[in-house]
Amino acid sequence: IVKTTATAPDGTTGSQEADFNGIDYMLGVGMHFKAG
């Protein structure tokens, strides 16, 4: 989600919200510790 707020020189404001969506594919690596 991207929200944009615009301000004109006279102080007038406006806003827009653009909602993007899609499928993600993930790869993760790390280390495992048994802490208890």
All heavy atoms as atom14 arrays in JSON, in Angstrom:
{
  "sequence": "IVKTTATAPDGTTGSQEADFNGIDYMLGVGMHFKAG",
  "atom14_mask": [
    [1, 1, 1, 1, 1, 1, 1, 1, 0, 0, 0, 0, 0, 0],
    [1, 1, 1, 1, 1, 1, 1, 0, 0, 0, 0, 0, 0, 0],
    [1, 1, 1, 1, 1, 1, 1, 1, 1, 0, 0, 0, 0, 0],
    [1, 1, 1, 1, 1, 1, 1, 0, 0, 0, 0, 0, 0, 0],
    [1, 1, 1, 1, 1, 1, 1, 0, 0, 0, 0, 0, 0, 0],
    [1, 1, 1, 1, 1, 0, 0, 0, 0, 0, 0, 0, 0, 0],
    [1, 1, 1, 1, 1, 1, 1, 0, 0, 0, 0, 0, 0, 0],
    [1, 1, 1, 1, 1, 0, 0, 0, 0, 0, 0, 0, 0, 0],
    [1, 1, 1, 1, 1, 1, 1, 0, 0, 0, 0, 0, 0, 0],
    [1, 1, 1, 1, 1, 1, 1, 1, 0, 0, 0, 0, 0, 0],
    [1, 1, 1, 1, 0, 0, 0, 0, 0, 0, 0, 0, 0, 0],
    [1, 1, 1, 1, 1, 1, 1, 0, 0, 0, 0, 0, 0, 0],
    [1, 1, 1, 1, 1, 1, 1, 0, 0, 0, 0, 0, 0, 0],
    [1, 1, 1, 1, 0, 0, 0, 0, 0, 0, 0, 0, 0, 0],
    [1, 1, 1, 1, 1, 1, 0, 0, 0, 0, 0, 0, 0, 0],
    [1, 1, 1, 1, 1, 1, 1, 1, 1, 0, 0, 0, 0, 0],
    [1, 1, 1, 1, 1, 1, 1, 1, 1, 0, 0, 0, 0, 0],
    [1, 1, 1, 1, 1, 0, 0, 0, 0, 0, 0, 0, 0, 0],
    [1, 1, 1, 1, 1, 1, 1, 1, 0, 0, 0, 0, 0, 0],
    [1, 1, 1, 1, 1, 1, 1, 1, 1, 1, 1, 0, 0, 0],
    [1, 1, 1, 1, 1, 1, 1, 1, 0, 0, 0, 0, 0, 0],
    [1, 1, 1, 1, 0, 0, 0, 0, 0, 0, 0, 0, 0, 0],
    [1, 1, 1, 1, 1, 1, 1, 1, 0, 0, 0, 0, 0, 0],
    [1, 1, 1, 1, 1, 1, 1, 1, 0, 0, 0, 0, 0, 0],
    [1, 1, 1, 1, 1, 1, 1, 1, 1, 1, 1, 1, 0, 0],
    [1, 1, 1, 1, 1, 1, 1, 1, 0, 0, 0, 0, 0, 0],
    [1, 1, 1, 1, 1, 1, 1, 1, 0, 0, 0, 0, 0, 0],
    [1, 1, 1, 1, 0, 0, 0, 0, 0, 0, 0, 0, 0, 0],
    [1, 1, 1, 1, 1, 1, 1, 0, 0, 0, 0, 0, 0, 0],
    [1, 1, 1, 1, 0, 0, 0, 0, 0, 0, 0, 0, 0, 0],
    [1, 1, 1, 1, 1, 1, 1, 1, 0, 0, 0, 0, 0, 0],
    [1, 1, 1, 1, 1, 1, 1, 1, 1, 1, 0, 0, 0, 0],
    [1, 1, 1, 1, 1, 1, 1, 1, 1, 1, 1, 0, 0, 0],
    [1, 1, 1, 1, 1, 1, 1, 1, 1, 0, 0, 0, 0, 0],
    [1, 1, 1, 1, 1, 0, 0, 0, 0, 0, 0, 0, 0, 0],
    [1, 1, 1, 1, 0, 0, 0, 0, 0, 0, 0, 0, 0, 0]
  ],
  "atom14_positions": [
    [[0.84, -1.2, 0.0], [0.0, 0.0, 0.0], [0.88, 1.25, 0.0], [1.75, 1.4, 0.88], [-0.93, 0.01, 1.22], [-1.82, -1.23, 1.22], [-1.78, 1.27, 1.23], [-2.64, -1.4, 2.48], [0.0, 0.0, 0.0], [0.0, 0.0, 0.0], [0.0, 0.0, 0.0], [0.0, 0.0, 0.0], [0.0, 0.0, 0.0], [0.0, 0.0, 0.0]],
    [[0.66, 2.11, -0.98], [1.38, 3.38, -1.07], [0.39, 4.53, -0.9], [-0.57, 4.65, -1.67], [2.11, 3.53, -2.42], [2.83, 4.88, -2.49], [3.11, 2.39, -2.63], [0.0, 0.0, 0.0], [0.0, 0.0, 0.0], [0.0, 0.0, 0.0], [0.0, 0.0, 0.0], [0.0, 0.0, 0.0], [0.0, 0.0, 0.0], [0.0, 0.0, 0.0]],
    [[0.62, 5.35, 0.13], [-0.22, 6.53, 0.36], [0.58, 7.78, 0.02], [1.71, 7.94, 0.49], [-0.68, 6.58, 1.82], [-1.58, 5.41, 2.2], [-2.03, 5.53, 3.65], [-2.96, 4.37, 4.03], [-3.4, 4.47, 5.45], [0.0, 0.0, 0.0], [0.0, 0.0, 0.0], [0.0, 0.0, 0.0], [0.0, 0.0, 0.0], [0.0, 0.0, 0.0]],
    [[-0.01, 8.64, -0.8], [0.66, 9.86, -1.23], [-0.18, 11.07, -0.83], [-1.39, 11.11, -1.1], [0.87, 9.88, -2.75], [1.57, 8.7, -3.15], [1.67, 11.1, -3.18], [0.0, 0.0, 0.0], [0.0, 0.0, 0.0], [0.0, 0.0, 0.0], [0.0, 0.0, 0.0], [0.0, 0.0, 0.0], [0.0, 0.0, 0.0], [0.0, 0.0, 0.0]],
    [[0.45, 12.02, -0.17], [-0.21, 13.27, 0.2], [0.51, 14.41, -0.52], [1.72, 14.57, -0.4], [-0.17, 13.5, 1.71], [-0.83, 12.42, 2.38], [-0.87, 14.81, 2.07], [0.0, 0.0, 0.0], [0.0, 0.0, 0.0], [0.0, 0.0, 0.0], [0.0, 0.0, 0.0], [0.0, 0.0, 0.0], [0.0, 0.0, 0.0], [0.0, 0.0, 0.0]],
    [[-0.26, 15.18, -1.3], [0.31, 16.29, -2.07], [-0.15, 17.61, -1.48], [-1.3, 17.77, -1.08], [-0.11, 16.2, -3.54], [0.0, 0.0, 0.0], [0.0, 0.0, 0.0], [0.0, 0.0, 0.0], [0.0, 0.0, 0.0], [0.0, 0.0, 0.0], [0.0, 0.0, 0.0], [0.0, 0.0, 0.0], [0.0, 0.0, 0.0], [0.0, 0.0, 0.0]],
    [[0.79, 18.57, -1.43], [0.5, 19.9, -0.91], [0.88, 20.95, -1.94], [2.03, 21.0, -2.4], [1.28, 20.16, 0.4], [0.99, 19.12, 1.34], [0.9, 21.5, 0.99], [0.0, 0.0, 0.0], [0.0, 0.0, 0.0], [0.0, 0.0, 0.0], [0.0, 0.0, 0.0], [0.0, 0.0, 0.0], [0.0, 0.0, 0.0], [0.0, 0.0, 0.0]],
    [[-0.1, 21.77, -2.33], [0.14, 22.83, -3.32], [0.71, 24.07, -2.63], [0.64, 24.19, -1.4], [-1.17, 23.17, -4.03], [0.0, 0.0, 0.0], [0.0, 0.0, 0.0], [0.0, 0.0, 0.0], [0.0, 0.0, 0.0], [0.0, 0.0, 0.0], [0.0, 0.0, 0.0], [0.0, 0.0, 0.0], [0.0, 0.0, 0.0], [0.0, 0.0, 0.0]],
    [[1.28, 25.02, -3.41], [1.85, 26.23, -2.81], [0.85, 27.03, -1.98], [1.24, 27.69, -1.0], [2.33, 27.03, -4.03], [2.6, 25.99, -5.07], [1.55, 24.94, -4.85], [0.0, 0.0, 0.0], [0.0, 0.0, 0.0], [0.0, 0.0, 0.0], [0.0, 0.0, 0.0], [0.0, 0.0, 0.0], [0.0, 0.0, 0.0], [0.0, 0.0, 0.0]],
    [[-0.45, 26.95, -2.32], [-1.44, 27.7, -1.55], [-1.94, 26.94, -0.32], [-2.86, 27.38, 0.37], [-2.64, 28.08, -2.43], [-3.37, 26.86, -2.99], [-2.95, 25.72, -2.67], [-4.35, 27.04, -3.74], [0.0, 0.0, 0.0], [0.0, 0.0, 0.0], [0.0, 0.0, 0.0], [0.0, 0.0, 0.0], [0.0, 0.0, 0.0], [0.0, 0.0, 0.0]],
    [[-1.34, 25.78, -0.05], [-1.72, 25.01, 1.12], [-2.79, 23.97, 0.88], [-3.13, 23.19, 1.78], [0.0, 0.0, 0.0], [0.0, 0.0, 0.0], [0.0, 0.0, 0.0], [0.0, 0.0, 0.0], [0.0, 0.0, 0.0], [0.0, 0.0, 0.0], [0.0, 0.0, 0.0], [0.0, 0.0, 0.0], [0.0, 0.0, 0.0], [0.0, 0.0, 0.0]],
    [[-3.35, 23.92, -0.33], [-4.36, 22.91, -0.65], [-3.71, 21.52, -0.66], [-2.6, 21.36, -1.17], [-4.98, 23.18, -2.03], [-5.52, 24.5, -2.05], [-6.09, 22.18, -2.34], [0.0, 0.0, 0.0], [0.0, 0.0, 0.0], [0.0, 0.0, 0.0], [0.0, 0.0, 0.0], [0.0, 0.0, 0.0], [0.0, 0.0, 0.0], [0.0, 0.0, 0.0]],
    [[-4.4, 20.56, -0.08], [-3.84, 19.21, -0.01], [-4.78, 18.2, -0.64], [-5.99, 18.42, -0.75], [-3.57, 18.78, 1.45], [-4.81, 18.76, 2.17], [-2.59, 19.73, 2.12], [0.0, 0.0, 0.0], [0.0, 0.0, 0.0], [0.0, 0.0, 0.0], [0.0, 0.0, 0.0], [0.0, 0.0, 0.0], [0.0, 0.0, 0.0], [0.0, 0.0, 0.0]],
    [[-4.22, 17.13, -1.07], [-4.98, 16.01, -1.61], [-4.22, 14.72, -1.35], [-3.02, 14.75, -1.06], [0.0, 0.0, 0.0], [0.0, 0.0, 0.0], [0.0, 0.0, 0.0], [0.0, 0.0, 0.0], [0.0, 0.0, 0.0], [0.0, 0.0, 0.0], [0.0, 0.0, 0.0], [0.0, 0.0, 0.0], [0.0, 0.0, 0.0], [0.0, 0.0, 0.0]],
    [[-4.91, 13.62, -1.39], [-4.25, 12.36, -1.09], [-4.73, 11.26, -2.02], [-5.83, 11.34, -2.6], [-4.5, 11.94, 0.36], [-5.88, 11.72, 0.59], [0.0, 0.0, 0.0], [0.0, 0.0, 0.0], [0.0, 0.0, 0.0], [0.0, 0.0, 0.0], [0.0, 0.0, 0.0], [0.0, 0.0, 0.0], [0.0, 0.0, 0.0], [0.0, 0.0, 0.0]],
    [[-3.91, 10.24, -2.15], [-4.23, 9.08, -2.97], [-3.67, 7.84, -2.3], [-2.6, 7.88, -1.69], [-3.64, 9.21, -4.37], [-3.93, 8.01, -5.28], [-3.14, 8.09, -6.57], [-1.95, 7.85, -6.59], [-3.81, 8.44, -7.65], [0.0, 0.0, 0.0], [0.0, 0.0, 0.0], [0.0, 0.0, 0.0], [0.0, 0.0, 0.0], [0.0, 0.0, 0.0]],
    [[-4.4, 6.75, -2.4], [-3.92, 5.46, -1.91], [-3.95, 4.46, -3.04], [-5.0, 4.25, -3.68], [-4.78, 4.96, -0.74], [-4.31, 3.61, -0.2], [-5.11, 3.15, 1.0], [-5.16, 3.93, 1.98], [-5.69, 2.05, 0.95], [0.0, 0.0, 0.0], [0.0, 0.0, 0.0], [0.0, 0.0, 0.0], [0.0, 0.0, 0.0], [0.0, 0.0, 0.0]],
    [[-2.83, 3.82, -3.31], [-2.73, 2.79, -4.35], [-2.39, 1.47, -3.68], [-1.37, 1.36, -2.97], [-1.65, 3.16, -5.37], [0.0, 0.0, 0.0], [0.0, 0.0, 0.0], [0.0, 0.0, 0.0], [0.0, 0.0, 0.0], [0.0, 0.0, 0.0], [0.0, 0.0, 0.0], [0.0, 0.0, 0.0], [0.0, 0.0, 0.0], [0.0, 0.0, 0.0]],
    [[-3.24, 0.47, -3.87], [-3.05, -0.84, -3.26], [-2.62, -1.83, -4.34], [-3.4, -2.19, -5.23], [-4.34, -1.34, -2.61], [-4.83, -0.42, -1.51], [-4.05, 0.46, -1.09], [-5.98, -0.58, -1.06], [0.0, 0.0, 0.0], [0.0, 0.0, 0.0], [0.0, 0.0, 0.0], [0.0, 0.0, 0.0], [0.0, 0.0, 0.0], [0.0, 0.0, 0.0]],
    [[-1.37, -2.29, -4.26], [-0.83, -3.29, -5.18], [-0.92, -4.67, -4.52], [-0.86, -4.79, -3.31], [0.63, -2.98, -5.51], [0.86, -1.63, -6.13], [0.98, -0.5, -5.32], [0.97, -1.49, -7.5], [1.19, 0.75, -5.89], [1.19, -0.24, -8.07], [1.3, 0.87, -7.26], [0.0, 0.0, 0.0], [0.0, 0.0, 0.0], [0.0, 0.0, 0.0]],
    [[-1.02, -5.7, -5.33], [-1.03, -7.05, -4.77], [-0.47, -8.04, -5.78], [-0.46, -7.79, -6.99], [-2.44, -7.46, -4.32], [-3.45, -7.37, -5.45], [-3.51, -8.23, -6.31], [-4.26, -6.31, -5.46], [0.0, 0.0, 0.0], [0.0, 0.0, 0.0], [0.0, 0.0, 0.0], [0.0, 0.0, 0.0], [0.0, 0.0, 0.0], [0.0, 0.0, 0.0]],
    [[-0.01, -9.17, -5.27], [0.57, -10.19, -6.15], [1.13, -11.34, -5.35], [1.14, -11.34, -4.12], [0.0, 0.0, 0.0], [0.0, 0.0, 0.0], [0.0, 0.0, 0.0], [0.0, 0.0, 0.0], [0.0, 0.0, 0.0], [0.0, 0.0, 0.0], [0.0, 0.0, 0.0], [0.0, 0.0, 0.0], [0.0, 0.0, 0.0], [0.0, 0.0, 0.0]],
    [[1.63, -12.36, -6.07], [2.2, -13.55, -5.47], [3.71, -13.37, -5.29], [4.39, -12.9, -6.19], [1.94, -14.8, -6.34], [0.43, -14.99, -6.53], [2.56, -16.04, -5.72], [-0.32, -15.27, -5.26], [0.0, 0.0, 0.0], [0.0, 0.0, 0.0], [0.0, 0.0, 0.0], [0.0, 0.0, 0.0], [0.0, 0.0, 0.0], [0.0, 0.0, 0.0]],
    [[4.21, -13.73, -4.1], [5.64, -13.7, -3.81], [6.18, -15.12, -3.66], [5.49, -16.0, -3.12], [5.92, -12.94, -2.52], [6.01, -11.44, -2.72], [5.65, -10.97, -3.82], [6.45, -10.74, -1.79], [0.0, 0.0, 0.0], [0.0, 0.0, 0.0], [0.0, 0.0, 0.0], [0.0, 0.0, 0.0], [0.0, 0.0, 0.0], [0.0, 0.0, 0.0]],
    [[7.42, -15.32, -4.11], [8.13, -16.59, -3.92], [9.34, -16.31, -3.04], [10.09, -15.36, -3.29], [8.55, -17.17, -5.27], [7.37, -17.44, -6.17], [6.95, -16.49, -7.1], [6.66, -18.64, -6.08], [5.85, -16.73, -7.91], [5.57, -18.88, -6.88], [5.16, -17.92, -7.8], [4.06, -18.17, -8.59], [0.0, 0.0, 0.0], [0.0, 0.0, 0.0]],
    [[9.53, -17.12, -2.0], [10.5, -16.79, -0.96], [11.57, -17.86, -0.79], [11.31, -19.05, -0.95], [9.76, -16.62, 0.37], [8.72, -15.5, 0.36], [7.81, -15.45, 1.92], [6.91, -17.0, 1.83], [0.0, 0.0, 0.0], [0.0, 0.0, 0.0], [0.0, 0.0, 0.0], [0.0, 0.0, 0.0], [0.0, 0.0, 0.0], [0.0, 0.0, 0.0]],
    [[12.76, -17.39, -0.44], [13.89, -18.24, -0.08], [14.54, -17.65, 1.15], [14.84, -16.45, 1.18], [14.9, -18.32, -1.23], [16.24, -18.98, -0.92], [16.06, -20.46, -0.62], [17.22, -18.79, -2.08], [0.0, 0.0, 0.0], [0.0, 0.0, 0.0], [0.0, 0.0, 0.0], [0.0, 0.0, 0.0], [0.0, 0.0, 0.0], [0.0, 0.0, 0.0]],
    [[14.75, -18.47, 2.18], [15.36, -17.98, 3.4], [16.39, -18.96, 3.94], [16.24, -20.18, 3.82], [0.0, 0.0, 0.0], [0.0, 0.0, 0.0], [0.0, 0.0, 0.0], [0.0, 0.0, 0.0], [0.0, 0.0, 0.0], [0.0, 0.0, 0.0], [0.0, 0.0, 0.0], [0.0, 0.0, 0.0], [0.0, 0.0, 0.0], [0.0, 0.0, 0.0]],
    [[17.46, -18.44, 4.54], [18.49, -19.27, 5.17], [18.87, -18.62, 6.5], [18.77, -17.4, 6.68], [19.75, -19.43, 4.29], [19.42, -20.21, 3.02], [20.35, -18.07, 3.94], [0.0, 0.0, 0.0], [0.0, 0.0, 0.0], [0.0, 0.0, 0.0], [0.0, 0.0, 0.0], [0.0, 0.0, 0.0], [0.0, 0.0, 0.0], [0.0, 0.0, 0.0]],
    [[19.33, -19.46, 7.43], [19.75, -18.95, 8.72], [20.37, -20.05, 9.56], [20.72, -21.12, 9.06], [0.0, 0.0, 0.0], [0.0, 0.0, 0.0], [0.0, 0.0, 0.0], [0.0, 0.0, 0.0], [0.0, 0.0, 0.0], [0.0, 0.0, 0.0], [0.0, 0.0, 0.0], [0.0, 0.0, 0.0], [0.0, 0.0, 0.0], [0.0, 0.0, 0.0]],
    [[20.49, -19.78, 10.86], [21.04, -20.74, 11.8], [20.05, -20.97, 12.92], [19.33, -20.05, 13.34], [22.37, -20.25, 12.37], [23.43, -19.95, 11.31], [23.78, -21.34, 10.19], [24.44, -22.54, 11.34], [0.0, 0.0, 0.0], [0.0, 0.0, 0.0], [0.0, 0.0, 0.0], [0.0, 0.0, 0.0], [0.0, 0.0, 0.0], [0.0, 0.0, 0.0]],
    [[20.01, -22.2, 13.42], [19.08, -22.59, 14.47], [19.83, -22.81, 15.77], [20.86, -23.49, 15.81], [18.36, -23.88, 14.06], [17.52, -24.49, 15.15], [18.04, -25.31, 16.11], [16.21, -24.37, 15.42], [17.08, -25.69, 16.94], [15.96, -25.13, 16.54], [0.0, 0.0, 0.0], [0.0, 0.0, 0.0], [0.0, 0.0, 0.0], [0.0, 0.0, 0.0]],
    [[19.33, -22.2, 16.86], [19.92, -22.37, 18.19], [18.83, -22.86, 19.15], [17.75, -22.27, 19.22], [20.48, -21.05, 18.74], [21.59, -20.46, 17.92], [21.31, -19.62, 16.87], [22.91, -20.75, 18.21], [22.32, -19.05, 16.12], [23.94, -20.19, 17.47], [23.66, -19.35, 16.41], [0.0, 0.0, 0.0], [0.0, 0.0, 0.0], [0.0, 0.0, 0.0]],
    [[19.12, -23.9, 19.87], [18.24, -24.32, 20.94], [18.66, -23.58, 22.2], [19.7, -23.82, 22.77], [18.33, -25.83, 21.16], [17.37, -26.34, 22.22], [17.45, -27.85, 22.36], [16.48, -28.35, 23.42], [16.53, -29.82, 23.59], [0.0, 0.0, 0.0], [0.0, 0.0, 0.0], [0.0, 0.0, 0.0], [0.0, 0.0, 0.0], [0.0, 0.0, 0.0]],
    [[17.79, -22.62, 22.64], [18.14, -21.76, 23.76], [17.57, -22.25, 25.08], [17.71, -21.58, 26.1], [17.66, -20.33, 23.48], [0.0, 0.0, 0.0], [0.0, 0.0, 0.0], [0.0, 0.0, 0.0], [0.0, 0.0, 0.0], [0.0, 0.0, 0.0], [0.0, 0.0, 0.0], [0.0, 0.0, 0.0], [0.0, 0.0, 0.0], [0.0, 0.0, 0.0]],
    [[16.91, -23.36, 25.09], [16.31, -23.91, 26.3], [15.45, -25.1, 25.93], [15.4, -25.52, 24.77], [0.0, 0.0, 0.0], [0.0, 0.0, 0.0], [0.0, 0.0, 0.0], [0.0, 0.0, 0.0], [0.0, 0.0, 0.0], [0.0, 0.0, 0.0], [0.0, 0.0, 0.0], [0.0, 0.0, 0.0], [0.0, 0.0, 0.0], [0.0, 0.0, 0.0]]
  ]
}
